[in-house]
Amino acid sequence: MRADQNSYLRQVYSSTECETEISCAGGKLVVLIFCARWSGPCQMISKAMEGLSNYKNDVVFIEVDVDACESVADRYDINSLPSFALVRNHQLLSRHSGVDLLGLSDLIERYK
């Protein structure tokens, strides 16, 4: 489900929804953004991630609510927020944690 009509950032609230979005991405790079509504750092990066997703429209960005999708967070061994998993064809390529968006952007460029 898209955050809004003009955004390439999708938000998911169930593991089934997340798996469907990853499958629909085909061979594209998927960036899973693990966040929670109660997390201050997650709130800080929210607008930045929306901007990044609009700029890099050849990459699929999926915001995963860790409270609603615990099994997805467990699958990707997420221990801190915000955290990111770069995935292609359901295979984990890399992980990144924290609010270092420059580092995340570099990883995206490496794997896309």
PDB file of N, CA and C in Angstrom:
ATOM      1  N   MET A   1       0.849  -1.170   0.000  1.00  0.00           N
ATOM      2  CA  MET A   1       0.000   0.000   0.000  1.00  0.00           C
ATOM      3  C   MET A   1       0.894   1.232   0.000  1.00  0.00           C
ATOM      4  N   ARG A   2       0.666   2.145  -0.882  1.00  0.00           N
ATOM      5  CA  ARG A   2       1.500   3.334  -0.994  1.00  0.00           C
ATOM      6  C   ARG A   2       1.169   4.340   0.103  1.00  0.00           C
ATOM      7  N   ALA A   3       2.213   5.024   0.555  1.00  0.00           N
ATOM      8  CA  ALA A   3       2.013   6.061   1.557  1.00  0.00           C
ATOM      9  C   ALA A   3       1.133   7.169   0.997  1.00  0.00           C
ATOM     10  N   ASP A   4       1.353   7.538  -0.238  1.00  0.00           N
ATOM     11  CA  ASP A   4       0.479   8.462  -0.952  1.00  0.00           C
ATOM     12  C   ASP A   4       0.705   8.281  -2.438  1.00  0.00           C
ATOM     13  N   GLN A   5      -0.086   8.942  -3.251  1.00  0.00           N
ATOM     14  CA  GLN A   5      -0.028   8.731  -4.700  1.00  0.00           C
ATOM     15  C   GLN A   5       1.307   9.118  -5.310  1.00  0.00           C
ATOM     16  N   ASN A   6       1.994  10.108  -4.750  1.00  0.00           N
ATOM     17  CA  ASN A   6       3.206  10.631  -5.353  1.00  0.00           C
ATOM     18  C   ASN A   6       4.477  10.020  -4.779  1.00  0.00           C
ATOM     19  N   SER A   7       4.373   9.061  -3.903  1.00  0.00           N
ATOM     20  CA  SER A   7       5.527   8.504  -3.228  1.00  0.00           C
ATOM     21  C   SER A   7       5.836   7.093  -3.730  1.00  0.00           C
ATOM     22  N   TYR A   8       7.118   6.755  -3.751  1.00  0.00           N
ATOM     23  CA  TYR A   8       7.549   5.404  -4.079  1.00  0.00           C
ATOM     24  C   TYR A   8       7.766   4.601  -2.803  1.00  0.00           C
ATOM     25  N   LEU A   9       7.375   5.165  -1.670  1.00  0.00           N
ATOM     26  CA  LEU A   9       7.509   4.518  -0.380  1.00  0.00           C
ATOM     27  C   LEU A   9       6.213   3.805  -0.030  1.00  0.00           C
ATOM     28  N   ARG A  10       6.322   2.494   0.167  1.00  0.00           N
ATOM     29  CA  ARG A  10       5.151   1.695   0.538  1.00  0.00           C
ATOM     30  C   ARG A  10       5.211   1.416   2.031  1.00  0.00           C
ATOM     31  N   GLN A  11       4.069   1.322   2.668  1.00  0.00           N
ATOM     32  CA  GLN A  11       3.998   0.998   4.091  1.00  0.00           C
ATOM     33  C   GLN A  11       3.260  -0.315   4.247  1.00  0.00           C
ATOM     34  N   VAL A  12       3.807  -1.209   5.083  1.00  0.00           N
ATOM     35  CA  VAL A  12       3.164  -2.499   5.305  1.00  0.00           C
ATOM     36  C   VAL A  12       2.933  -2.711   6.795  1.00  0.00           C
ATOM     37  N   TYR A  13       1.865  -3.431   7.081  1.00  0.00           N
ATOM     38  CA  TYR A  13       1.464  -3.669   8.466  1.00  0.00           C
ATOM     39  C   TYR A  13       1.225  -5.146   8.758  1.00  0.00           C
ATOM     40  N   SER A  14       1.684  -6.022   7.864  1.00  0.00           N
ATOM     41  CA  SER A  14       1.616  -7.458   8.124  1.00  0.00           C
ATOM     42  C   SER A  14       2.744  -8.141   7.362  1.00  0.00           C
ATOM     43  N   SER A  15       3.138  -9.304   7.840  1.00  0.00           N
ATOM     44  CA  SER A  15       4.213 -10.030   7.159  1.00  0.00           C
ATOM     45  C   SER A  15       3.770 -10.481   5.770  1.00  0.00           C
ATOM     46  N   THR A  16       2.498 -10.816   5.621  1.00  0.00           N
ATOM     47  CA  THR A  16       1.983 -11.220   4.308  1.00  0.00           C
ATOM     48  C   THR A  16       2.066 -10.058   3.327  1.00  0.00           C
ATOM     49  N   GLU A  17       1.676  -8.892   3.778  1.00  0.00           N
ATOM     50  CA  GLU A  17       1.733  -7.692   2.942  1.00  0.00           C
ATOM     51  C   GLU A  17       3.184  -7.389   2.539  1.00  0.00           C
ATOM     52  N   CYS A  18       4.104  -7.555   3.470  1.00  0.00           N
ATOM     53  CA  CYS A  18       5.521  -7.308   3.189  1.00  0.00           C
ATOM     54  C   CYS A  18       6.042  -8.289   2.141  1.00  0.00           C
ATOM     55  N   GLU A  19       5.757  -9.564   2.314  1.00  0.00           N
ATOM     56  CA  GLU A  19       6.214 -10.582   1.363  1.00  0.00           C
ATOM     57  C   GLU A  19       5.632 -10.336  -0.029  1.00  0.00           C
ATOM     58  N   THR A  20       4.379  -9.908  -0.081  1.00  0.00           N
ATOM     59  CA  THR A  20       3.748  -9.598  -1.368  1.00  0.00           C
ATOM     60  C   THR A  20       4.466  -8.453  -2.060  1.00  0.00           C
ATOM     61  N   GLU A  21       4.772  -7.399  -1.314  1.00  0.00           N
ATOM     62  CA  GLU A  21       5.469  -6.241  -1.895  1.00  0.00           C
ATOM     63  C   GLU A  21       6.857  -6.637  -2.403  1.00  0.00           C
ATOM     64  N   ILE A  22       7.570  -7.464  -1.644  1.00  0.00           N
ATOM     65  CA  ILE A  22       8.901  -7.911  -2.075  1.00  0.00           C
ATOM     66  C   ILE A  22       8.776  -8.737  -3.354  1.00  0.00           C
ATOM     67  N   SER A  23       7.798  -9.618  -3.413  1.00  0.00           N
ATOM     68  CA  SER A  23       7.590 -10.442  -4.616  1.00  0.00           C
ATOM     69  C   SER A  23       7.244  -9.585  -5.822  1.00  0.00           C
ATOM     70  N   CYS A  24       6.408  -8.571  -5.621  1.00  0.00           N
ATOM     71  CA  CYS A  24       6.003  -7.687  -6.721  1.00  0.00           C
ATOM     72  C   CYS A  24       7.163  -6.859  -7.264  1.00  0.00           C
ATOM     73  N   ALA A  25       8.212  -6.697  -6.458  1.00  0.00           N
ATOM     74  CA  ALA A  25       9.364  -5.913  -6.894  1.00  0.00           C
ATOM     75  C   ALA A  25      10.173  -6.636  -7.966  1.00  0.00           C
ATOM     76  N   GLY A  26       9.961  -7.938  -8.104  1.00  0.00           N
ATOM     77  CA  GLY A  26      10.707  -8.699  -9.097  1.00  0.00           C
ATOM     78  C   GLY A  26      12.193  -8.659  -8.788  1.00  0.00           C
ATOM     79  N   GLY A  27      12.999  -8.298  -9.774  1.00  0.00           N
ATOM     80  CA  GLY A  27      14.449  -8.254  -9.607  1.00  0.00           C
ATOM     81  C   GLY A  27      14.983  -6.918  -9.120  1.00  0.00           C
ATOM     82  N   LYS A  28      14.083  -5.977  -8.810  1.00  0.00           N
ATOM     83  CA  LYS A  28      14.539  -4.671  -8.323  1.00  0.00           C
ATOM     84  C   LYS A  28      15.088  -4.782  -6.913  1.00  0.00           C
ATOM     85  N   LEU A  29      15.952  -3.844  -6.570  1.00  0.00           N
ATOM     86  CA  LEU A  29      16.442  -3.731  -5.206  1.00  0.00           C
ATOM     87  C   LEU A  29      15.297  -3.251  -4.328  1.00  0.00           C
ATOM     88  N   VAL A  30      15.149  -3.883  -3.169  1.00  0.00           N
ATOM     89  CA  VAL A  30      14.143  -3.497  -2.183  1.00  0.00           C
ATOM     90  C   VAL A  30      14.867  -3.030  -0.932  1.00  0.00           C
ATOM     91  N   VAL A  31      14.484  -1.860  -0.427  1.00  0.00           N
ATOM     92  CA  VAL A  31      15.009  -1.365   0.838  1.00  0.00           C
ATOM     93  C   VAL A  31      13.885  -1.483   1.860  1.00  0.00           C
ATOM     94  N   LEU A  32      14.073  -2.375   2.826  1.00  0.00           N
ATOM     95  CA  LEU A  32      13.116  -2.514   3.919  1.00  0.00           C
ATOM     96  C   LEU A  32      13.529  -1.557   5.024  1.00  0.00           C
ATOM     97  N   ILE A  33      12.619  -0.694   5.406  1.00  0.00           N
ATOM     98  CA  ILE A  33      12.875   0.322   6.429  1.00  0.00           C
ATOM     99  C   ILE A  33      12.132  -0.122   7.680  1.00  0.00           C
ATOM    100  N   PHE A  34      12.864  -0.557   8.696  1.00  0.00           N
ATOM    101  CA  PHE A  34      12.244  -1.038   9.917  1.00  0.00           C
ATOM    102  C   PHE A  34      12.124   0.104  10.910  1.00  0.00           C
ATOM    103  N   CYS A  35      10.879   0.458  11.241  1.00  0.00           N
ATOM    104  CA  CYS A  35      10.595   1.582  12.119  1.00  0.00           C
ATOM    105  C   CYS A  35       9.426   1.256  13.039  1.00  0.00           C
ATOM    106  N   ALA A  36       9.228   2.158  13.999  1.00  0.00           N
ATOM    107  CA  ALA A  36       8.067   2.089  14.892  1.00  0.00           C
ATOM    108  C   ALA A  36       7.578   3.509  15.132  1.00  0.00           C
ATOM    109  N   ARG A  37       6.278   3.649  15.277  1.00  0.00           N
ATOM    110  CA  ARG A  37       5.686   4.979  15.482  1.00  0.00           C
ATOM    111  C   ARG A  37       6.210   5.656  16.746  1.00  0.00           C
ATOM    112  N   TRP A  38       6.576   4.890  17.760  1.00  0.00           N
ATOM    113  CA  TRP A  38       7.009   5.432  19.040  1.00  0.00           C
ATOM    114  C   TRP A  38       8.488   5.823  19.054  1.00  0.00           C
ATOM    115  N   SER A  39       9.229   5.496  17.998  1.00  0.00           N
ATOM    116  CA  SER A  39      10.671   5.744  17.948  1.00  0.00           C
ATOM    117  C   SER A  39      10.982   7.147  17.435  1.00  0.00           C
ATOM    118  N   GLY A  40      11.638   7.949  18.266  1.00  0.00           N
ATOM    119  CA  GLY A  40      12.041   9.297  17.862  1.00  0.00           C
ATOM    120  C   GLY A  40      12.938   9.309  16.631  1.00  0.00           C
ATOM    121  N   PRO A  41      14.011   8.484  16.592  1.00  0.00           N
ATOM    122  CA  PRO A  41      14.861   8.456  15.403  1.00  0.00           C
ATOM    123  C   PRO A  41      14.096   8.066  14.130  1.00  0.00           C
ATOM    124  N   CYS A  42      13.124   7.154  14.265  1.00  0.00           N
ATOM    125  CA  CYS A  42      12.320   6.773  13.091  1.00  0.00           C
ATOM    126  C   CYS A  42      11.491   7.957  12.605  1.00  0.00           C
ATOM    127  N   GLN A  43      10.934   8.704  13.524  1.00  0.00           N
ATOM    128  CA  GLN A  43      10.160   9.882  13.139  1.00  0.00           C
ATOM    129  C   GLN A  43      11.050  10.920  12.464  1.00  0.00           C
ATOM    130  N   MET A  44      12.306  11.027  12.944  1.00  0.00           N
ATOM    131  CA  MET A  44      13.241  11.997  12.363  1.00  0.00           C
ATOM    132  C   MET A  44      13.538  11.690  10.901  1.00  0.00           C
ATOM    133  N   ILE A  45      13.675  10.413  10.555  1.00  0.00           N
ATOM    134  CA  ILE A  45      14.072  10.078   9.189  1.00  0.00           C
ATOM    135  C   ILE A  45      12.895   9.874   8.240  1.00  0.00           C
ATOM    136  N   SER A  46      11.695   9.927   8.746  1.00  0.00           N
ATOM    137  CA  SER A  46      10.518   9.626   7.933  1.00  0.00           C
ATOM    138  C   SER A  46      10.446  10.465   6.662  1.00  0.00           C
ATOM    139  N   LYS A  47      10.529  11.770   6.783  1.00  0.00           N
ATOM    140  CA  LYS A  47      10.448  12.652   5.600  1.00  0.00           C
ATOM    141  C   LYS A  47      11.653  12.466   4.690  1.00  0.00           C
ATOM    142  N   ALA A  48      12.824  12.252   5.291  1.00  0.00           N
ATOM    143  CA  ALA A  48      14.026  12.034   4.475  1.00  0.00           C
ATOM    144  C   ALA A  48      13.891  10.760   3.641  1.00  0.00           C
ATOM    145  N   MET A  49      13.307   9.718   4.219  1.00  0.00           N
ATOM    146  CA  MET A  49      13.129   8.471   3.475  1.00  0.00           C
ATOM    147  C   MET A  49      12.124   8.646   2.346  1.00  0.00           C
ATOM    148  N   GLU A  50      11.093   9.424   2.587  1.00  0.00           N
ATOM    149  CA  GLU A  50      10.126   9.685   1.522  1.00  0.00           C
ATOM    150  C   GLU A  50      10.805  10.425   0.372  1.00  0.00           C
ATOM    151  N   GLY A  51      11.646  11.401   0.693  1.00  0.00           N
ATOM    152  CA  GLY A  51      12.381  12.126  -0.339  1.00  0.00           C
ATOM    153  C   GLY A  51      13.338  11.228  -1.088  1.00  0.00           C
ATOM    154  N   LEU A  52      14.052  10.369  -0.368  1.00  0.00           N
ATOM    155  CA  LEU A  52      14.987   9.442  -1.002  1.00  0.00           C
ATOM    156  C   LEU A  52      14.246   8.482  -1.920  1.00  0.00           C
ATOM    157  N   SER A  53      13.086   8.024  -1.485  1.00  0.00           N
ATOM    158  CA  SER A  53      12.319   7.082  -2.311  1.00  0.00           C
ATOM    159  C   SER A  53      11.816   7.738  -3.588  1.00  0.00           C
ATOM    160  N   ASN A  54      11.499   9.019  -3.536  1.00  0.00           N
ATOM    161  CA  ASN A  54      11.068   9.730  -4.741  1.00  0.00           C
ATOM    162  C   ASN A  54      12.236   9.969  -5.698  1.00  0.00           C
ATOM    163  N   TYR A  55      13.428  10.149  -5.164  1.00  0.00           N
ATOM    164  CA  TYR A  55      14.620  10.402  -5.973  1.00  0.00           C
ATOM    165  C   TYR A  55      15.123   9.126  -6.631  1.00  0.00           C
ATOM    166  N   LYS A  56      15.046   8.025  -5.927  1.00  0.00           N
ATOM    167  CA  LYS A  56      15.557   6.745  -6.429  1.00  0.00           C
ATOM    168  C   LYS A  56      14.373   5.859  -6.811  1.00  0.00           C
ATOM    169  N   ASN A  57      13.688   6.250  -7.884  1.00  0.00           N
ATOM    170  CA  ASN A  57      12.454   5.549  -8.243  1.00  0.00           C
ATOM    171  C   ASN A  57      12.677   4.207  -8.938  1.00  0.00           C
ATOM    172  N   ASP A  58      13.929   3.765  -9.075  1.00  0.00           N
ATOM    173  CA  ASP A  58      14.201   2.438  -9.613  1.00  0.00           C
ATOM    174  C   ASP A  58      14.445   1.425  -8.489  1.00  0.00           C
ATOM    175  N   VAL A  59      14.209   1.869  -7.267  1.00  0.00           N
ATOM    176  CA  VAL A  59      14.360   1.040  -6.075  1.00  0.00           C
ATOM    177  C   VAL A  59      13.022   1.038  -5.348  1.00  0.00           C
ATOM    178  N   VAL A  60      12.640  -0.098  -4.782  1.00  0.00           N
ATOM    179  CA  VAL A  60      11.388  -0.200  -4.034  1.00  0.00           C
ATOM    180  C   VAL A  60      11.698  -0.006  -2.554  1.00  0.00           C
ATOM    181  N   PHE A  61      11.033   0.957  -1.930  1.00  0.00           N
ATOM    182  CA  PHE A  61      11.198   1.239  -0.511  1.00  0.00           C
ATOM    183  C   PHE A  61       9.946   0.774   0.223  1.00  0.00           C
ATOM    184  N   ILE A  62      10.137  -0.034   1.250  1.00  0.00           N
ATOM    185  CA  ILE A  62       9.017  -0.562   2.017  1.00  0.00           C
ATOM    186  C   ILE A  62       9.252  -0.257   3.494  1.00  0.00           C
ATOM    187  N   GLU A  63       8.368   0.525   4.077  1.00  0.00           N
ATOM    188  CA  GLU A  63       8.446   0.828   5.503  1.00  0.00           C
ATOM    189  C   GLU A  63       7.711  -0.269   6.266  1.00  0.00           C
ATOM    190  N   VAL A  64       8.434  -0.933   7.159  1.00  0.00           N
ATOM    191  CA  VAL A  64       7.903  -2.064   7.918  1.00  0.00           C
ATOM    192  C   VAL A  64       7.691  -1.637   9.365  1.00  0.00           C
ATOM    193  N   ASP A  65       6.459  -1.681   9.818  1.00  0.00           N
ATOM    194  CA  ASP A  65       6.133  -1.382  11.210  1.00  0.00           C
ATOM    195  C   ASP A  65       6.536  -2.599  12.042  1.00  0.00           C
ATOM    196  N   VAL A  66       7.572  -2.453  12.879  1.00  0.00           N
ATOM    197  CA  VAL A  66       8.094  -3.610  13.614  1.00  0.00           C
ATOM    198  C   VAL A  66       7.097  -4.156  14.637  1.00  0.00           C
ATOM    199  N   ASP A  67       6.215  -3.319  15.139  1.00  0.00           N
ATOM    200  CA  ASP A  67       5.222  -3.795  16.098  1.00  0.00           C
ATOM    201  C   ASP A  67       4.184  -4.678  15.418  1.00  0.00           C
ATOM    202  N   ALA A  68       3.849  -4.375  14.186  1.00  0.00           N
ATOM    203  CA  ALA A  68       2.858  -5.151  13.441  1.00  0.00           C
ATOM    204  C   ALA A  68       3.493  -6.315  12.679  1.00  0.00           C
ATOM    205  N   CYS A  69       4.791  -6.231  12.418  1.00  0.00           N
ATOM    206  CA  CYS A  69       5.470  -7.235  11.581  1.00  0.00           C
ATOM    207  C   CYS A  69       6.676  -7.821  12.308  1.00  0.00           C
ATOM    208  N   GLU A  70       6.470  -8.313  13.514  1.00  0.00           N
ATOM    209  CA  GLU A  70       7.576  -8.851  14.311  1.00  0.00           C
ATOM    210  C   GLU A  70       8.316  -9.974  13.592  1.00  0.00           C
ATOM    211  N   SER A  71       7.591 -10.822  12.886  1.00  0.00           N
ATOM    212  CA  SER A  71       8.248 -11.953  12.213  1.00  0.00           C
ATOM    213  C   SER A  71       9.182 -11.481  11.104  1.00  0.00           C
ATOM    214  N   VAL A  72       8.836 -10.390  10.431  1.00  0.00           N
ATOM    215  CA  VAL A  72       9.706  -9.850   9.386  1.00  0.00           C
ATOM    216  C   VAL A  72      10.970  -9.271  10.025  1.00  0.00           C
ATOM    217  N   ALA A  73      10.810  -8.533  11.128  1.00  0.00           N
ATOM    218  CA  ALA A  73      11.972  -7.980  11.840  1.00  0.00           C
ATOM    219  C   ALA A  73      12.875  -9.105  12.342  1.00  0.00           C
ATOM    220  N   ASP A  74      12.276 -10.188  12.832  1.00  0.00           N
ATOM    221  CA  ASP A  74      13.067 -11.339  13.293  1.00  0.00           C
ATOM    222  C   ASP A  74      13.813 -11.995  12.136  1.00  0.00           C
ATOM    223  N   ARG A  75      13.138 -12.125  11.004  1.00  0.00           N
ATOM    224  CA  ARG A  75      13.758 -12.773   9.836  1.00  0.00           C
ATOM    225  C   ARG A  75      15.028 -12.048   9.404  1.00  0.00           C
ATOM    226  N   TYR A  76      15.017 -10.709   9.493  1.00  0.00           N
ATOM    227  CA  TYR A  76      16.169  -9.916   9.062  1.00  0.00           C
ATOM    228  C   TYR A  76      17.057  -9.504  10.234  1.00  0.00           C
ATOM    229  N   ASP A  77      16.827 -10.118  11.405  1.00  0.00           N
ATOM    230  CA  ASP A  77      17.658  -9.919  12.591  1.00  0.00           C
ATOM    231  C   ASP A  77      17.788  -8.439  12.962  1.00  0.00           C
ATOM    232  N   ILE A  78      16.655  -7.771  13.059  1.00  0.00           N
ATOM    233  CA  ILE A  78      16.622  -6.344  13.381  1.00  0.00           C
ATOM    234  C   ILE A  78      16.640  -6.179  14.898  1.00  0.00           C
ATOM    235  N   ASN A  79      17.652  -5.440  15.389  1.00  0.00           N
ATOM    236  CA  ASN A  79      17.828  -5.250  16.823  1.00  0.00           C
ATOM    237  C   ASN A  79      17.787  -3.798  17.260  1.00  0.00           C
ATOM    238  N   SER A  80      17.784  -2.863  16.317  1.00  0.00           N
ATOM    239  CA  SER A  80      17.735  -1.444  16.660  1.00  0.00           C
ATOM    240  C   SER A  80      16.917  -0.714  15.608  1.00  0.00           C
ATOM    241  N   LEU A  81      16.455   0.474  15.988  1.00  0.00           N
ATOM    242  CA  LEU A  81      15.632   1.287  15.080  1.00  0.00           C
ATOM    243  C   LEU A  81      16.246   2.665  14.921  1.00  0.00           C
ATOM    244  N   PRO A  82      16.170   3.209  13.737  1.00  0.00           N
ATOM    245  CA  PRO A  82      15.742   2.565  12.507  1.00  0.00           C
ATOM    246  C   PRO A  82      16.827   1.621  11.979  1.00  0.00           C
ATOM    247  N   SER A  83      16.389   0.607  11.275  1.00  0.00           N
ATOM    248  CA  SER A  83      17.297  -0.324  10.598  1.00  0.00           C
ATOM    249  C   SER A  83      16.791  -0.555   9.186  1.00  0.00           C
ATOM    250  N   PHE A  84      17.698  -0.954   8.329  1.00  0.00           N
ATOM    251  CA  PHE A  84      17.388  -1.129   6.919  1.00  0.00           C
ATOM    252  C   PHE A  84      17.945  -2.462   6.447  1.00  0.00           C
ATOM    253  N   ALA A  85      17.185  -3.149   5.607  1.00  0.00           N
ATOM    254  CA  ALA A  85      17.664  -4.378   4.972  1.00  0.00           C
ATOM    255  C   ALA A  85      17.530  -4.187   3.467  1.00  0.00           C
ATOM    256  N   LEU A  86      18.606  -4.425   2.749  1.00  0.00           N
ATOM    257  CA  LEU A  86      18.582  -4.364   1.289  1.00  0.00           C
ATOM    258  C   LEU A  86      18.416  -5.778   0.771  1.00  0.00           C
ATOM    259  N   VAL A  87      17.371  -5.972  -0.030  1.00  0.00           N
ATOM    260  CA  VAL A  87      16.948  -7.300  -0.452  1.00  0.00           C
ATOM    261  C   VAL A  87      16.696  -7.304  -1.956  1.00  0.00           C
ATOM    262  N   ARG A  88      17.019  -8.415  -2.590  1.00  0.00           N
ATOM    263  CA  ARG A  88      16.644  -8.624  -3.989  1.00  0.00           C
ATOM    264  C   ARG A  88      16.197 -10.076  -4.123  1.00  0.00           C
ATOM    265  N   ASN A  89      15.027 -10.282  -4.725  1.00  0.00           N
ATOM    266  CA  ASN A  89      14.486 -11.639  -4.890  1.00  0.00           C
ATOM    267  C   ASN A  89      14.462 -12.397  -3.551  1.00  0.00           C
ATOM    268  N   HIS A  90      14.045 -11.716  -2.504  1.00  0.00           N
ATOM    269  CA  HIS A  90      13.917 -12.287  -1.154  1.00  0.00           C
ATOM    270  C   HIS A  90      15.249 -12.663  -0.514  1.00  0.00           C
ATOM    271  N   GLN A  91      16.369 -12.276  -1.125  1.00  0.00           N
ATOM    272  CA  GLN A  91      17.686 -12.579  -0.571  1.00  0.00           C
ATOM    273  C   GLN A  91      18.288 -11.322   0.054  1.00  0.00           C
ATOM    274  N   LEU A  92      18.742 -11.439   1.293  1.00  0.00           N
ATOM    275  CA  LEU A  92      19.368 -10.317   1.994  1.00  0.00           C
ATOM    276  C   LEU A  92      20.723 -10.010   1.372  1.00  0.00           C
ATOM    277  N   LEU A  93      20.917  -8.747   0.984  1.00  0.00           N
ATOM    278  CA  LEU A  93      22.197  -8.304   0.425  1.00  0.00           C
ATOM    279  C   LEU A  93      23.040  -7.592   1.468  1.00  0.00           C
ATOM    280  N   SER A  94      22.386  -6.762   2.283  1.00  0.00           N
ATOM    281  CA  SER A  94      23.110  -5.976   3.275  1.00  0.00           C
ATOM    282  C   SER A  94      22.130  -5.422   4.297  1.00  0.00           C
ATOM    283  N   ARG A  95      22.676  -5.047   5.463  1.00  0.00           N
ATOM    284  CA  ARG A  95      21.894  -4.372   6.505  1.00  0.00           C
ATOM    285  C   ARG A  95      22.592  -3.076   6.873  1.00  0.00           C
ATOM    286  N   HIS A  96      21.794  -2.144   7.396  1.00  0.00           N
ATOM    287  CA  HIS A  96      22.311  -0.846   7.824  1.00  0.00           C
ATOM    288  C   HIS A  96      21.451  -0.375   8.982  1.00  0.00           C
ATOM    289  N   SER A  97      22.060   0.234   9.993  1.00  0.00           N
ATOM    290  CA  SER A  97      21.302   0.721  11.147  1.00  0.00           C
ATOM    291  C   SER A  97      21.621   2.185  11.405  1.00  0.00           C
ATOM    292  N   GLY A  98      20.659   2.863  12.021  1.00  0.00           N
ATOM    293  CA  GLY A  98      20.865   4.243  12.437  1.00  0.00           C
ATOM    294  C   GLY A  98      20.362   5.253  11.429  1.00  0.00           C
ATOM    295  N   VAL A  99      20.651   6.515  11.709  1.00  0.00           N
ATOM    296  CA  VAL A  99      20.133   7.608  10.887  1.00  0.00           C
ATOM    297  C   VAL A  99      21.156   8.124   9.873  1.00  0.00           C
ATOM    298  N   ASP A 100      22.185   7.342   9.584  1.00  0.00           N
ATOM    299  CA  ASP A 100      23.207   7.708   8.598  1.00  0.00           C
ATOM    300  C   ASP A 100      22.668   7.470   7.185  1.00  0.00           C
ATOM    301  N   LEU A 101      21.961   8.450   6.669  1.00  0.00           N
ATOM    302  CA  LEU A 101      21.333   8.291   5.359  1.00  0.00           C
ATOM    303  C   LEU A 101      22.346   8.335   4.222  1.00  0.00           C
ATOM    304  N   LEU A 102      23.472   8.993   4.424  1.00  0.00           N
ATOM    305  CA  LEU A 102      24.521   9.002   3.401  1.00  0.00           C
ATOM    306  C   LEU A 102      25.090   7.593   3.232  1.00  0.00           C
ATOM    307  N   GLY A 103      25.335   6.917   4.332  1.00  0.00           N
ATOM    308  CA  GLY A 103      25.811   5.536   4.270  1.00  0.00           C
ATOM    309  C   GLY A 103      24.792   4.629   3.616  1.00  0.00           C
ATOM    310  N   LEU A 104      23.519   4.823   3.938  1.00  0.00           N
ATOM    311  CA  LEU A 104      22.456   4.032   3.323  1.00  0.00           C
ATOM    312  C   LEU A 104      22.396   4.301   1.830  1.00  0.00           C
ATOM    313  N   SER A 105      22.497   5.545   1.449  1.00  0.00           N
ATOM    314  CA  SER A 105      22.457   5.904   0.026  1.00  0.00           C
ATOM    315  C   SER A 105      23.613   5.262  -0.731  1.00  0.00           C
ATOM    316  N   ASP A 106      24.793   5.225  -0.109  1.00  0.00           N
ATOM    317  CA  ASP A 106      25.946   4.563  -0.735  1.00  0.00           C
ATOM    318  C   ASP A 106      25.681   3.070  -0.938  1.00  0.00           C
ATOM    319  N   LEU A 107      25.082   2.414   0.071  1.00  0.00           N
ATOM    320  CA  LEU A 107      24.743   0.993  -0.067  1.00  0.00           C
ATOM    321  C   LEU A 107      23.738   0.764  -1.196  1.00  0.00           C
ATOM    322  N   ILE A 108      22.753   1.638  -1.280  1.00  0.00           N
ATOM    323  CA  ILE A 108      21.756   1.521  -2.344  1.00  0.00           C
ATOM    324  C   ILE A 108      22.417   1.618  -3.704  1.00  0.00           C
ATOM    325  N   GLU A 109      23.313   2.568  -3.871  1.00  0.00           N
ATOM    326  CA  GLU A 109      24.007   2.726  -5.144  1.00  0.00           C
ATOM    327  C   GLU A 109      24.852   1.499  -5.465  1.00  0.00           C
ATOM    328  N   ARG A 110      25.467   0.897  -4.458  1.00  0.00           N
ATOM    329  CA  ARG A 110      26.304  -0.282  -4.678  1.00  0.00           C
ATOM    330  C   ARG A 110      25.494  -1.473  -5.168  1.00  0.00           C
ATOM    331  N   TYR A 111      24.293  -1.648  -4.629  1.00  0.00           N
ATOM    332  CA  TYR A 111      23.510  -2.843  -4.929  1.00  0.00           C
ATOM    333  C   TYR A 111      22.446  -2.676  -6.004  1.00  0.00           C
ATOM    334  N   LYS A 112      22.144  -1.459  -6.417  1.00  0.00           N
ATOM    335  CA  LYS A 112      21.059  -1.318  -7.394  1.00  0.00           C
ATOM    336  C   LYS A 112      21.564  -1.609  -8.760  1.00  0.00           C
TER     337      LYS A 112
END
